[in-house]
Amino acid sequence: MKIEISAEMRAAQGTGASRRLRRTGKVPGIVYGGDREPTAVVLNHKDLHQNLMKEAFHASILDLVLDGNREQVLLRSFNMHPFKSQVQHVDFQRVSKDKKIHMKVPLHFVNTDTAPGVKTQGGVVSHVLNELNITCFPDDLPEFIEVDLGAMSVGDSIHVKDIVLPKGVEAVLHRAENPVVCAIVLPAVVAEDENVAAPAGEVPATAQAAADKAGDDKKDAKDKK
């Protein structure tokens, strides 16, 4: 989905100038990166605020129209007023098609209701991560990444390396890192009741326990090979 935003060059800079802009419904910002110097810009607050409410605005290549010239950028950061619904400042980064970018992309969990652990076993989904740090070329950037929970039972967990990523997309991980994304666990009250009656080794009652159990199972399978 293409998202277009408009901006104008900003001549006046400094705290006082930025304050005056905000009073007139404008937002000061900056565009940086690429082989050019940073450019101070100003945007319409209403338009920017509406875009910030869209999930795709935070994980998409944006078309920035600056004084009639079009360039592709990423939203990198924005500051909000401590208690008002007012955008104080915004940063955009220029992108080049031949250079990889790093982004945090939202995760969309699908088939939750049909997962055996939820549908028939009384479990609930514990979300550990709701976004994933990835690297890819701009043209390969997904708006979101799906995580399929359809085959999960109580006690199962999904790790980052279990996710099927879109073509050209890689998860940013350090060394042997493979964090838990989500798990299906028993609600706390049910788990406490079952832990009293059930022998050791039964279905874990917390997301961390589920993750540990999944890790142990994988280790045992690996040792047997």
Protein backbone atom coordinates (compact mmCIF):
# COMPACT_ATOMS: atom_id res chain seq x y z
CA MET A 1 0.00 0.00 0.00
CA LYS A 2 1.44 3.35 -1.08
CA ILE A 3 1.22 6.13 1.48
CA GLU A 4 1.95 9.68 0.38
CA ILE A 5 2.76 12.55 2.70
CA SER A 6 3.42 16.20 1.89
CA ALA A 7 5.96 18.50 3.50
CA GLU A 8 7.55 21.89 3.00
CA MET A 9 11.08 23.12 3.58
CA ARG A 10 11.53 24.69 7.01
CA ALA A 11 13.66 27.80 7.18
CA ALA A 12 13.21 28.90 10.79
CA GLN A 13 14.68 26.49 13.31
CA GLY A 14 15.12 26.39 17.05
CA THR A 15 12.84 25.90 20.05
CA GLY A 16 10.96 29.18 19.61
CA ALA A 17 10.35 28.63 15.90
CA SER A 18 9.15 25.07 16.49
CA ARG A 19 6.76 26.25 19.20
CA ARG A 20 5.26 28.84 16.85
CA LEU A 21 4.79 26.19 14.15
CA ARG A 22 2.91 23.91 16.53
CA ARG A 23 0.56 26.74 17.46
CA THR A 24 -0.44 27.02 13.80
CA GLY A 25 -1.16 23.30 13.38
CA LYS A 26 2.22 22.38 11.93
CA VAL A 27 4.82 19.80 12.96
CA PRO A 28 8.57 20.38 12.62
CA GLY A 29 10.58 17.45 11.32
CA ILE A 30 13.75 16.35 9.61
CA VAL A 31 14.63 14.14 6.65
CA TYR A 32 18.09 12.57 6.76
CA GLY A 33 20.16 9.79 5.21
CA GLY A 34 21.35 8.89 1.76
CA ASP A 35 24.08 10.98 0.20
CA ARG A 36 22.48 14.32 1.10
CA GLU A 37 22.53 16.63 4.05
CA PRO A 38 19.67 16.52 6.55
CA THR A 39 16.71 18.67 5.53
CA ALA A 40 14.48 20.52 8.00
CA VAL A 41 10.82 20.17 7.04
CA VAL A 42 7.36 21.07 8.30
CA LEU A 43 4.18 18.99 7.96
CA ASN A 44 0.47 19.45 8.55
CA HIS A 45 -0.34 18.15 12.03
CA LYS A 46 -3.82 16.81 11.23
CA ASP A 47 -2.62 14.77 8.24
CA LEU A 48 0.42 13.45 10.07
CA HIS A 49 -1.56 12.52 13.19
CA GLN A 50 -4.11 10.58 11.12
CA ASN A 51 -1.32 8.68 9.38
CA LEU A 52 0.33 7.81 12.68
CA MET A 53 -2.87 5.98 13.65
CA LYS A 54 -2.31 3.55 10.75
CA GLU A 55 -0.18 0.50 11.42
CA ALA A 56 1.16 0.50 7.85
CA PHE A 57 2.55 4.03 8.25
CA HIS A 58 5.11 2.69 10.72
CA ALA A 59 6.39 -0.17 8.54
CA SER A 60 6.11 1.00 4.94
CA ILE A 61 8.14 2.87 2.38
CA LEU A 62 6.52 6.32 2.30
CA ASP A 63 6.33 8.69 -0.65
CA LEU A 64 7.37 12.08 0.67
CA VAL A 65 6.47 15.01 -1.58
CA LEU A 66 8.75 17.87 -0.53
CA ASP A 67 8.15 21.15 -2.35
CA GLY A 68 7.09 19.24 -5.46
CA ASN A 69 9.96 16.74 -5.37
CA ARG A 70 9.20 13.11 -4.52
CA GLU A 71 11.47 10.80 -2.52
CA GLN A 72 11.08 7.56 -0.60
CA VAL A 73 11.48 7.61 3.16
CA LEU A 74 10.86 5.59 6.32
CA LEU A 75 9.33 6.89 9.51
CA ARG A 76 12.11 6.56 12.08
CA SER A 77 10.78 8.32 15.16
CA PHE A 78 8.27 10.83 16.45
CA ASN A 79 7.72 12.64 19.72
CA MET A 80 4.35 13.25 21.32
CA HIS A 81 3.33 15.88 23.85
CA PRO A 82 3.39 14.44 27.42
CA PHE A 83 -0.39 14.70 27.86
CA LYS A 84 -1.87 16.23 24.70
CA SER A 85 -2.65 14.33 21.50
CA GLN A 86 -0.09 16.47 19.72
CA VAL A 87 2.89 15.40 17.60
CA GLN A 88 5.91 17.45 18.64
CA HIS A 89 8.51 16.33 16.10
CA VAL A 90 9.02 13.67 13.44
CA ASP A 91 12.08 12.08 11.78
CA PHE A 92 12.19 10.44 8.36
CA GLN A 93 15.07 8.52 6.78
CA ARG A 94 15.72 8.44 3.04
CA VAL A 95 16.02 4.98 1.49
CA SER A 96 17.88 3.65 -1.52
CA LYS A 97 16.62 0.65 -3.46
CA ASP A 98 20.09 -0.94 -3.52
CA LYS A 99 20.71 -0.71 0.24
CA LYS A 100 19.19 -2.95 2.88
CA ILE A 101 17.16 -1.39 5.67
CA HIS A 102 16.45 -2.45 9.24
CA MET A 103 12.84 -2.19 10.40
CA LYS A 104 10.54 -3.43 13.12
CA VAL A 105 7.52 -4.99 11.42
CA PRO A 106 4.27 -5.87 13.23
CA LEU A 107 3.28 -9.52 13.65
CA HIS A 108 -0.25 -10.62 12.76
CA PHE A 109 -1.34 -13.81 14.53
CA VAL A 110 -3.76 -15.90 12.45
CA ASN A 111 -5.90 -19.00 13.07
CA THR A 112 -5.91 -18.39 16.81
CA ASP A 113 -9.52 -19.49 17.26
CA THR A 114 -8.99 -22.77 15.42
CA ALA A 115 -5.81 -23.77 17.25
CA PRO A 116 -6.48 -27.00 19.23
CA GLY A 117 -4.92 -25.46 22.33
CA VAL A 118 -7.49 -22.66 22.29
CA LYS A 119 -10.51 -24.33 20.72
CA THR A 120 -10.62 -27.62 22.60
CA GLN A 121 -8.03 -27.50 25.39
CA GLY A 122 -9.03 -24.25 27.12
CA GLY A 123 -5.72 -22.50 26.56
CA VAL A 124 -5.02 -18.86 25.81
CA VAL A 125 -2.36 -17.27 23.62
CA SER A 126 0.47 -15.50 25.40
CA HIS A 127 2.12 -12.98 23.08
CA VAL A 128 5.77 -12.41 23.93
CA LEU A 129 6.63 -10.43 20.79
CA ASN A 130 4.26 -8.27 18.74
CA GLU A 131 6.82 -7.04 16.22
CA LEU A 132 9.95 -8.43 14.62
CA ASN A 133 13.23 -6.74 13.80
CA ILE A 134 14.07 -7.55 10.17
CA THR A 135 16.43 -6.56 7.38
CA CYS A 136 15.64 -6.47 3.65
CA PHE A 137 15.80 -4.31 0.55
CA PRO A 138 13.13 -1.59 0.40
CA ASP A 139 11.14 -3.33 -2.34
CA ASP A 140 10.85 -6.47 -0.17
CA LEU A 141 9.61 -4.69 2.96
CA PRO A 142 6.35 -6.31 4.19
CA GLU A 143 3.69 -4.27 5.99
CA PHE A 144 3.34 -7.13 8.47
CA ILE A 145 4.36 -10.76 8.97
CA GLU A 146 1.84 -13.53 9.62
CA VAL A 147 2.33 -16.06 12.40
CA ASP A 148 0.11 -19.13 11.98
CA LEU A 149 -1.11 -20.60 15.27
CA GLY A 150 -3.47 -23.13 13.64
CA ALA A 151 -1.57 -26.28 14.68
CA MET A 152 -0.66 -25.27 18.25
CA SER A 153 -1.72 -27.13 21.39
CA VAL A 154 -1.40 -26.13 25.03
CA GLY A 155 2.29 -26.08 25.93
CA ASP A 156 3.43 -25.34 22.36
CA SER A 157 5.42 -22.24 21.52
CA ILE A 158 6.64 -20.54 18.37
CA HIS A 159 10.14 -19.10 18.14
CA VAL A 160 11.43 -16.53 15.69
CA LYS A 161 13.17 -19.16 13.56
CA ASP A 162 9.88 -21.06 13.23
CA ILE A 163 8.25 -18.16 11.35
CA VAL A 164 8.04 -18.41 7.56
CA LEU A 165 9.35 -15.03 6.40
CA PRO A 166 8.52 -13.42 3.05
CA LYS A 167 11.05 -13.72 0.25
CA GLY A 168 14.06 -11.46 0.74
CA VAL A 169 13.35 -10.85 4.42
CA GLU A 170 15.66 -11.93 7.24
CA ALA A 171 15.14 -11.72 10.99
CA VAL A 172 17.82 -9.80 12.85
CA LEU A 173 19.17 -12.19 15.48
CA HIS A 174 22.40 -12.27 17.46
CA ARG A 175 24.43 -15.49 17.37
CA ALA A 176 22.30 -18.41 18.60
CA GLU A 177 19.43 -16.16 19.67
CA ASN A 178 15.96 -17.57 18.94
CA PRO A 179 13.42 -15.83 21.19
CA VAL A 180 9.89 -17.02 21.87
CA VAL A 181 7.23 -15.19 19.85
CA CYS A 182 4.12 -16.69 21.45
CA ALA A 183 2.87 -19.72 23.35
CA ILE A 184 -0.44 -21.33 24.22
CA VAL A 185 -0.82 -21.70 27.96
CA LEU A 186 -3.53 -22.55 30.45
CA PRO A 187 -5.19 -19.62 32.23
CA ALA A 188 -3.57 -18.98 35.62
CA VAL A 189 -6.50 -20.24 37.76
CA VAL A 190 -6.87 -23.45 35.76
CA ALA A 191 -3.14 -24.03 35.78
CA GLU A 192 -2.95 -23.65 39.56
CA ASP A 193 -5.74 -26.19 40.06
CA GLU A 194 -4.14 -28.69 37.72
CA ASN A 195 -0.70 -28.23 39.23
CA VAL A 196 -2.07 -29.30 42.61
CA ALA A 197 -3.53 -32.54 41.26
CA ALA A 198 -1.24 -33.34 38.35
CA PRO A 199 2.17 -35.02 38.66
CA ALA A 200 5.33 -33.22 37.64
CA GLY A 201 5.90 -32.98 33.92
CA GLU A 202 2.35 -32.00 32.95
CA VAL A 203 1.52 -29.05 30.66
CA PRO A 204 3.26 -25.88 31.89
CA ALA A 205 1.06 -23.05 33.11
CA THR A 206 3.04 -20.01 32.03
CA ALA A 207 4.43 -18.70 28.78
CA GLN A 208 7.98 -19.03 30.06
CA ALA A 209 7.38 -22.60 31.19
CA ALA A 210 5.88 -23.42 27.81
CA ALA A 211 8.87 -21.92 26.11
CA ASP A 212 11.27 -23.88 28.32
CA LYS A 213 9.37 -27.11 27.65
CA ALA A 214 9.47 -26.52 23.90
CA GLY A 215 13.19 -25.85 24.08
CA ASP A 216 13.81 -29.02 26.09
CA ASP A 217 11.78 -31.10 23.62
CA LYS A 218 13.81 -29.79 20.70
CA LYS A 219 17.06 -30.47 22.58
CA ASP A 220 16.00 -34.04 23.37
CA ALA A 221 15.10 -34.65 19.72
CA LYS A 222 18.47 -33.27 18.64
CA ASP A 223 20.35 -35.47 21.15
CA LYS A 224 18.61 -38.59 19.85
CA LYS A 225 19.83 -37.97 16.27
